[in-house]
Amino acid sequence: MKLPGLFGLIQLGSGLVFAIPLGIIGVEFLGMGRTAFGLAFLALAAVMVVLPEYVSRRVGGPRDWVRRRLPRPPWRRD
């Protein structure tokens, strides 16, 4: 089993920073009997957990950013 690297842990942490408060708000709404708002906030919290990884895969990771900035060697044709 491969453990996540540093970048993966940063992604997870940034997702949880946004998702935990939204999840707490959703649970509070469910406790007060406002089911629609509670489920909406819990769904938004679930999206916020996976959003940083999605954006990173869509845009590219740090290695891709560095590769785009460096000039290509003349002998390499990608």
PDB file of N, CA and C in Angstrom:
ATOM      1  N   MET A   1       0.836  -1.169   0.000  1.00  0.00           N
ATOM      2  CA  MET A   1       0.000   0.000   0.000  1.00  0.00           C
ATOM      3  C   MET A   1       0.886   1.239   0.000  1.00  0.00           C
ATOM      4  N   LYS A   2       0.612   2.125  -0.926  1.00  0.00           N
ATOM      5  CA  LYS A   2       1.404   3.340  -1.031  1.00  0.00           C
ATOM      6  C   LYS A   2       0.732   4.456  -0.238  1.00  0.00           C
ATOM      7  N   LEU A   3       1.492   5.080   0.630  1.00  0.00           N
ATOM      8  CA  LEU A   3       0.967   6.180   1.424  1.00  0.00           C
ATOM      9  C   LEU A   3       0.991   7.467   0.607  1.00  0.00           C
ATOM     10  N   PRO A   4       0.114   8.414   0.918  1.00  0.00           N
ATOM     11  CA  PRO A   4       0.116   9.670   0.166  1.00  0.00           C
ATOM     12  C   PRO A   4       1.379  10.478   0.460  1.00  0.00           C
ATOM     13  N   GLY A   5       1.819  11.215  -0.531  1.00  0.00           N
ATOM     14  CA  GLY A   5       2.986  12.060  -0.358  1.00  0.00           C
ATOM     15  C   GLY A   5       2.622  13.374   0.302  1.00  0.00           C
ATOM     16  N   LEU A   6       3.605  14.244   0.355  1.00  0.00           N
ATOM     17  CA  LEU A   6       3.404  15.537   0.997  1.00  0.00           C
ATOM     18  C   LEU A   6       2.347  16.359   0.272  1.00  0.00           C
ATOM     19  N   PHE A   7       2.385  16.357  -1.051  1.00  0.00           N
ATOM     20  CA  PHE A   7       1.411  17.126  -1.820  1.00  0.00           C
ATOM     21  C   PHE A   7      -0.003  16.592  -1.612  1.00  0.00           C
ATOM     22  N   GLY A   8      -0.154  15.277  -1.540  1.00  0.00           N
ATOM     23  CA  GLY A   8      -1.467  14.693  -1.277  1.00  0.00           C
ATOM     24  C   GLY A   8      -2.001  15.052   0.103  1.00  0.00           C
ATOM     25  N   LEU A   9      -1.113  15.101   1.083  1.00  0.00           N
ATOM     26  CA  LEU A   9      -1.549  15.495   2.425  1.00  0.00           C
ATOM     27  C   LEU A   9      -1.942  16.965   2.481  1.00  0.00           C
ATOM     28  N   ILE A  10      -1.236  17.804   1.730  1.00  0.00           N
ATOM     29  CA  ILE A  10      -1.609  19.213   1.674  1.00  0.00           C
ATOM     30  C   ILE A  10      -2.976  19.369   1.022  1.00  0.00           C
ATOM     31  N   GLN A  11      -3.221  18.604  -0.037  1.00  0.00           N
ATOM     32  CA  GLN A  11      -4.532  18.652  -0.696  1.00  0.00           C
ATOM     33  C   GLN A  11      -5.641  18.235   0.260  1.00  0.00           C
ATOM     34  N   LEU A  12      -5.415  17.149   0.974  1.00  0.00           N
ATOM     35  CA  LEU A  12      -6.422  16.663   1.914  1.00  0.00           C
ATOM     36  C   LEU A  12      -6.661  17.678   3.026  1.00  0.00           C
ATOM     37  N   GLY A  13      -5.596  18.251   3.540  1.00  0.00           N
ATOM     38  CA  GLY A  13      -5.732  19.250   4.602  1.00  0.00           C
ATOM     39  C   GLY A  13      -6.485  20.484   4.145  1.00  0.00           C
ATOM     40  N   SER A  14      -6.185  20.944   2.939  1.00  0.00           N
ATOM     41  CA  SER A  14      -6.885  22.136   2.451  1.00  0.00           C
ATOM     42  C   SER A  14      -8.359  21.836   2.193  1.00  0.00           C
ATOM     43  N   GLY A  15      -8.671  20.635   1.763  1.00  0.00           N
ATOM     44  CA  GLY A  15     -10.072  20.268   1.585  1.00  0.00           C
ATOM     45  C   GLY A  15     -10.806  20.179   2.909  1.00  0.00           C
ATOM     46  N   LEU A  16     -10.144  19.627   3.922  1.00  0.00           N
ATOM     47  CA  LEU A  16     -10.791  19.489   5.224  1.00  0.00           C
ATOM     48  C   LEU A  16     -10.985  20.827   5.917  1.00  0.00           C
ATOM     49  N   VAL A  17     -10.080  21.773   5.669  1.00  0.00           N
ATOM     50  CA  VAL A  17     -10.221  23.095   6.280  1.00  0.00           C
ATOM     51  C   VAL A  17     -11.545  23.728   5.864  1.00  0.00           C
ATOM     52  N   PHE A  18     -11.931  23.535   4.622  1.00  0.00           N
ATOM     53  CA  PHE A  18     -13.196  24.101   4.157  1.00  0.00           C
ATOM     54  C   PHE A  18     -14.380  23.196   4.480  1.00  0.00           C
ATOM     55  N   ALA A  19     -14.177  21.888   4.484  1.00  0.00           N
ATOM     56  CA  ALA A  19     -15.293  20.954   4.622  1.00  0.00           C
ATOM     57  C   ALA A  19     -15.786  20.803   6.061  1.00  0.00           C
ATOM     58  N   ILE A  20     -14.902  20.861   7.026  1.00  0.00           N
ATOM     59  CA  ILE A  20     -15.314  20.622   8.411  1.00  0.00           C
ATOM     60  C   ILE A  20     -16.316  21.674   8.896  1.00  0.00           C
ATOM     61  N   PRO A  21     -16.068  22.974   8.703  1.00  0.00           N
ATOM     62  CA  PRO A  21     -17.095  23.940   9.152  1.00  0.00           C
ATOM     63  C   PRO A  21     -18.430  23.765   8.427  1.00  0.00           C
ATOM     64  N   LEU A  22     -18.383  23.457   7.136  1.00  0.00           N
ATOM     65  CA  LEU A  22     -19.633  23.237   6.403  1.00  0.00           C
ATOM     66  C   LEU A  22     -20.357  21.998   6.915  1.00  0.00           C
ATOM     67  N   GLY A  23     -19.600  20.963   7.264  1.00  0.00           N
ATOM     68  CA  GLY A  23     -20.213  19.758   7.817  1.00  0.00           C
ATOM     69  C   GLY A  23     -20.855  20.012   9.165  1.00  0.00           C
ATOM     70  N   ILE A  24     -20.212  20.825   9.983  1.00  0.00           N
ATOM     71  CA  ILE A  24     -20.778  21.159  11.296  1.00  0.00           C
ATOM     72  C   ILE A  24     -22.070  21.944  11.123  1.00  0.00           C
ATOM     73  N   ILE A  25     -22.068  22.885  10.195  1.00  0.00           N
ATOM     74  CA  ILE A  25     -23.287  23.654   9.933  1.00  0.00           C
ATOM     75  C   ILE A  25     -24.397  22.726   9.437  1.00  0.00           C
ATOM     76  N   GLY A  26     -24.047  21.776   8.565  1.00  0.00           N
ATOM     77  CA  GLY A  26     -25.044  20.833   8.065  1.00  0.00           C
ATOM     78  C   GLY A  26     -25.638  19.974   9.162  1.00  0.00           C
ATOM     79  N   VAL A  27     -24.796  19.500  10.077  1.00  0.00           N
ATOM     80  CA  VAL A  27     -25.293  18.684  11.188  1.00  0.00           C
ATOM     81  C   VAL A  27     -26.188  19.517  12.100  1.00  0.00           C
ATOM     82  N   GLU A  28     -25.816  20.773  12.317  1.00  0.00           N
ATOM     83  CA  GLU A  28     -26.659  21.645  13.146  1.00  0.00           C
ATOM     84  C   GLU A  28     -28.026  21.868  12.506  1.00  0.00           C
ATOM     85  N   PHE A  29     -28.041  22.092  11.193  1.00  0.00           N
ATOM     86  CA  PHE A  29     -29.327  22.254  10.512  1.00  0.00           C
ATOM     87  C   PHE A  29     -30.166  20.990  10.621  1.00  0.00           C
ATOM     88  N   LEU A  30     -29.522  19.819  10.475  1.00  0.00           N
ATOM     89  CA  LEU A  30     -30.270  18.570  10.619  1.00  0.00           C
ATOM     90  C   LEU A  30     -30.823  18.420  12.028  1.00  0.00           C
ATOM     91  N   GLY A  31     -30.054  18.840  13.026  1.00  0.00           N
ATOM     92  CA  GLY A  31     -30.512  18.757  14.413  1.00  0.00           C
ATOM     93  C   GLY A  31     -31.679  19.676  14.706  1.00  0.00           C
ATOM     94  N   MET A  32     -31.741  20.807  13.991  1.00  0.00           N
ATOM     95  CA  MET A  32     -32.849  21.747  14.196  1.00  0.00           C
ATOM     96  C   MET A  32     -34.081  21.364  13.391  1.00  0.00           C
ATOM     97  N   GLY A  33     -33.979  20.344  12.539  1.00  0.00           N
ATOM     98  CA  GLY A  33     -35.125  19.904  11.771  1.00  0.00           C
ATOM     99  C   GLY A  33     -35.210  20.508  10.384  1.00  0.00           C
ATOM    100  N   ARG A  34     -34.208  21.241   9.966  1.00  0.00           N
ATOM    101  CA  ARG A  34     -34.202  21.836   8.625  1.00  0.00           C
ATOM    102  C   ARG A  34     -33.399  20.911   7.703  1.00  0.00           C
ATOM    103  N   THR A  35     -34.070  19.870   7.250  1.00  0.00           N
ATOM    104  CA  THR A  35     -33.416  18.783   6.521  1.00  0.00           C
ATOM    105  C   THR A  35     -32.822  19.232   5.196  1.00  0.00           C
ATOM    106  N   ALA A  36     -33.517  20.033   4.443  1.00  0.00           N
ATOM    107  CA  ALA A  36     -33.034  20.432   3.120  1.00  0.00           C
ATOM    108  C   ALA A  36     -31.727  21.206   3.227  1.00  0.00           C
ATOM    109  N   PHE A  37     -31.675  22.177   4.136  1.00  0.00           N
ATOM    110  CA  PHE A  37     -30.442  22.954   4.304  1.00  0.00           C
ATOM    111  C   PHE A  37     -29.319  22.084   4.854  1.00  0.00           C
ATOM    112  N   GLY A  38     -29.647  21.184   5.772  1.00  0.00           N
ATOM    113  CA  GLY A  38     -28.641  20.295   6.343  1.00  0.00           C
ATOM    114  C   GLY A  38     -28.012  19.398   5.298  1.00  0.00           C
ATOM    115  N   LEU A  39     -28.831  18.793   4.458  1.00  0.00           N
ATOM    116  CA  LEU A  39     -28.298  17.922   3.411  1.00  0.00           C
ATOM    117  C   LEU A  39     -27.520  18.713   2.366  1.00  0.00           C
ATOM    118  N   ALA A  40     -27.964  19.935   2.096  1.00  0.00           N
ATOM    119  CA  ALA A  40     -27.244  20.772   1.133  1.00  0.00           C
ATOM    120  C   ALA A  40     -25.857  21.119   1.662  1.00  0.00           C
ATOM    121  N   PHE A  41     -25.747  21.464   2.930  1.00  0.00           N
ATOM    122  CA  PHE A  41     -24.441  21.788   3.494  1.00  0.00           C
ATOM    123  C   PHE A  41     -23.546  20.553   3.581  1.00  0.00           C
ATOM    124  N   LEU A  42     -24.116  19.397   3.890  1.00  0.00           N
ATOM    125  CA  LEU A  42     -23.304  18.178   3.932  1.00  0.00           C
ATOM    126  C   LEU A  42     -22.819  17.790   2.534  1.00  0.00           C
ATOM    127  N   ALA A  43     -23.646  17.989   1.528  1.00  0.00           N
ATOM    128  CA  ALA A  43     -23.214  17.719   0.153  1.00  0.00           C
ATOM    129  C   ALA A  43     -22.116  18.694  -0.264  1.00  0.00           C
ATOM    130  N   LEU A  44     -22.256  19.947   0.116  1.00  0.00           N
ATOM    131  CA  LEU A  44     -21.224  20.935  -0.190  1.00  0.00           C
ATOM    132  C   LEU A  44     -19.913  20.601   0.525  1.00  0.00           C
ATOM    133  N   ALA A  45     -20.004  20.099   1.742  1.00  0.00           N
ATOM    134  CA  ALA A  45     -18.800  19.686   2.473  1.00  0.00           C
ATOM    135  C   ALA A  45     -18.116  18.514   1.767  1.00  0.00           C
ATOM    136  N   ALA A  46     -18.893  17.564   1.249  1.00  0.00           N
ATOM    137  CA  ALA A  46     -18.305  16.429   0.529  1.00  0.00           C
ATOM    138  C   ALA A  46     -17.601  16.900  -0.748  1.00  0.00           C
ATOM    139  N   VAL A  47     -18.183  17.873  -1.414  1.00  0.00           N
ATOM    140  CA  VAL A  47     -17.548  18.423  -2.625  1.00  0.00           C
ATOM    141  C   VAL A  47     -16.251  19.133  -2.265  1.00  0.00           C
ATOM    142  N   MET A  48     -16.244  19.860  -1.161  1.00  0.00           N
ATOM    143  CA  MET A  48     -15.053  20.614  -0.776  1.00  0.00           C
ATOM    144  C   MET A  48     -13.888  19.706  -0.384  1.00  0.00           C
ATOM    145  N   VAL A  49     -14.171  18.484   0.059  1.00  0.00           N
ATOM    146  CA  VAL A  49     -13.086  17.560   0.396  1.00  0.00           C
ATOM    147  C   VAL A  49     -12.331  17.143  -0.864  1.00  0.00           C
ATOM    148  N   VAL A  50     -13.048  16.890  -1.940  1.00  0.00           N
ATOM    149  CA  VAL A  50     -12.400  16.382  -3.151  1.00  0.00           C
ATOM    150  C   VAL A  50     -12.036  17.475  -4.152  1.00  0.00           C
ATOM    151  N   LEU A  51     -12.484  18.704  -3.929  1.00  0.00           N
ATOM    152  CA  LEU A  51     -12.219  19.781  -4.888  1.00  0.00           C
ATOM    153  C   LEU A  51     -10.732  20.089  -5.095  1.00  0.00           C
ATOM    154  N   PRO A  52      -9.889  20.165  -4.051  1.00  0.00           N
ATOM    155  CA  PRO A  52      -8.471  20.451  -4.311  1.00  0.00           C
ATOM    156  C   PRO A  52      -7.785  19.391  -5.164  1.00  0.00           C
ATOM    157  N   GLU A  53      -8.128  18.126  -4.956  1.00  0.00           N
ATOM    158  CA  GLU A  53      -7.520  17.064  -5.767  1.00  0.00           C
ATOM    159  C   GLU A  53      -8.004  17.156  -7.214  1.00  0.00           C
ATOM    160  N   TYR A  54      -9.269  17.452  -7.410  1.00  0.00           N
ATOM    161  CA  TYR A  54      -9.804  17.589  -8.764  1.00  0.00           C
ATOM    162  C   TYR A  54      -9.115  18.726  -9.512  1.00  0.00           C
ATOM    163  N   VAL A  55      -8.979  19.862  -8.842  1.00  0.00           N
ATOM    164  CA  VAL A  55      -8.324  21.010  -9.479  1.00  0.00           C
ATOM    165  C   VAL A  55      -6.866  20.687  -9.792  1.00  0.00           C
ATOM    166  N   SER A  56      -6.204  20.008  -8.871  1.00  0.00           N
ATOM    167  CA  SER A  56      -4.806  19.649  -9.096  1.00  0.00           C
ATOM    168  C   SER A  56      -4.655  18.699 -10.276  1.00  0.00           C
ATOM    169  N   ARG A  57      -5.543  17.737 -10.399  1.00  0.00           N
ATOM    170  CA  ARG A  57      -5.471  16.823 -11.543  1.00  0.00           C
ATOM    171  C   ARG A  57      -5.826  17.527 -12.846  1.00  0.00           C
ATOM    172  N   ARG A  58      -6.736  18.477 -12.776  1.00  0.00           N
ATOM    173  CA  ARG A  58      -7.160  19.194 -13.979  1.00  0.00           C
ATOM    174  C   ARG A  58      -6.080  20.161 -14.469  1.00  0.00           C
ATOM    175  N   VAL A  59      -5.485  20.898 -13.557  1.00  0.00           N
ATOM    176  CA  VAL A  59      -4.469  21.885 -13.903  1.00  0.00           C
ATOM    177  C   VAL A  59      -3.101  21.236 -14.008  1.00  0.00           C
ATOM    178  N   GLY A  60      -2.834  20.283 -13.165  1.00  0.00           N
ATOM    179  CA  GLY A  60      -1.526  19.629 -13.122  1.00  0.00           C
ATOM    180  C   GLY A  60      -0.863  19.905 -11.790  1.00  0.00           C
ATOM    181  N   GLY A  61       0.025  19.014 -11.414  1.00  0.00           N
ATOM    182  CA  GLY A  61       0.716  19.149 -10.140  1.00  0.00           C
ATOM    183  C   GLY A  61       1.931  20.049 -10.249  1.00  0.00           C
ATOM    184  N   PRO A  62       2.698  20.127  -9.170  1.00  0.00           N
ATOM    185  CA  PRO A  62       3.876  20.996  -9.164  1.00  0.00           C
ATOM    186  C   PRO A  62       4.918  20.606 -10.207  1.00  0.00           C
ATOM    187  N   ARG A  63       5.047  19.325 -10.476  1.00  0.00           N
ATOM    188  CA  ARG A  63       6.030  18.894 -11.492  1.00  0.00           C
ATOM    189  C   ARG A  63       5.647  19.413 -12.871  1.00  0.00           C
ATOM    190  N   ASP A  64       4.365  19.388 -13.165  1.00  0.00           N
ATOM    191  CA  ASP A  64       3.916  19.917 -14.455  1.00  0.00           C
ATOM    192  C   ASP A  64       4.159  21.411 -14.555  1.00  0.00           C
ATOM    193  N   TRP A  65       3.963  22.124 -13.454  1.00  0.00           N
ATOM    194  CA  TRP A  65       4.191  23.575 -13.461  1.00  0.00           C
ATOM    195  C   TRP A  65       5.659  23.879 -13.735  1.00  0.00           C
ATOM    196  N   VAL A  66       6.550  23.103 -13.111  1.00  0.00           N
ATOM    197  CA  VAL A  66       7.987  23.324 -13.311  1.00  0.00           C
ATOM    198  C   VAL A  66       8.368  22.981 -14.743  1.00  0.00           C
ATOM    199  N   ARG A  67       7.829  21.893 -15.266  1.00  0.00           N
ATOM    200  CA  ARG A  67       8.150  21.500 -16.648  1.00  0.00           C
ATOM    201  C   ARG A  67       7.697  22.554 -17.652  1.00  0.00           C
ATOM    202  N   ARG A  68       6.579  23.196 -17.388  1.00  0.00           N
ATOM    203  CA  ARG A  68       6.105  24.235 -18.304  1.00  0.00           C
ATOM    204  C   ARG A  68       6.993  25.468 -18.270  1.00  0.00           C
ATOM    205  N   ARG A  69       7.605  25.753 -17.136  1.00  0.00           N
ATOM    206  CA  ARG A  69       8.424  26.956 -16.995  1.00  0.00           C
ATOM    207  C   ARG A  69       9.831  26.783 -17.569  1.00  0.00           C
ATOM    208  N   LEU A  70      10.367  25.582 -17.495  1.00  0.00           N
ATOM    209  CA  LEU A  70      11.737  25.354 -17.974  1.00  0.00           C
ATOM    210  C   LEU A  70      11.755  25.194 -19.488  1.00  0.00           C
ATOM    211  N   PRO A  71      12.796  25.706 -20.140  1.00  0.00           N
ATOM    212  CA  PRO A  71      12.890  25.493 -21.592  1.00  0.00           C
ATOM    213  C   PRO A  71      13.224  24.035 -21.904  1.00  0.00           C
ATOM    214  N   ARG A  72      12.760  23.562 -23.046  1.00  0.00           N
ATOM    215  CA  ARG A  72      13.033  22.181 -23.446  1.00  0.00           C
ATOM    216  C   ARG A  72      14.427  22.059 -24.045  1.00  0.00           C
ATOM    217  N   PRO A  73      15.078  20.956 -23.773  1.00  0.00           N
ATOM    218  CA  PRO A  73      16.373  20.733 -24.444  1.00  0.00           C
ATOM    219  C   PRO A  73      16.164  20.553 -25.934  1.00  0.00           C
ATOM    220  N   PRO A  74      17.116  20.995 -26.756  1.00  0.00           N
ATOM    221  CA  PRO A  74      16.909  20.898 -28.207  1.00  0.00           C
ATOM    222  C   PRO A  74      16.846  19.461 -28.734  1.00  0.00           C
ATOM    223  N   TRP A  75      17.442  18.506 -28.024  1.00  0.00           N
ATOM    224  CA  TRP A  75      17.432  17.118 -28.497  1.00  0.00           C
ATOM    225  C   TRP A  75      16.150  16.388 -28.121  1.00  0.00           C
ATOM    226  N   ARG A  76      15.316  16.981 -27.322  1.00  0.00           N
ATOM    227  CA  ARG A  76      14.110  16.308 -26.875  1.00  0.00           C
ATOM    228  C   ARG A  76      12.901  16.849 -27.618  1.00  0.00           C
ATOM    229  N   ARG A  77      12.134  15.951 -28.234  1.00  0.00           N
ATOM    230  CA  ARG A  77      10.947  16.363 -28.965  1.00  0.00           C
ATOM    231  C   ARG A  77       9.739  15.624 -28.408  1.00  0.00           C
ATOM    232  N   ASP A  78       8.988  16.313 -27.562  1.00  0.00           N
ATOM    233  CA  ASP A  78       7.801  15.705 -26.946  1.00  0.00           C
ATOM    234  C   ASP A  78       6.564  16.126 -27.676  1.00  0.00           C
TER     235      ASP A  78
END
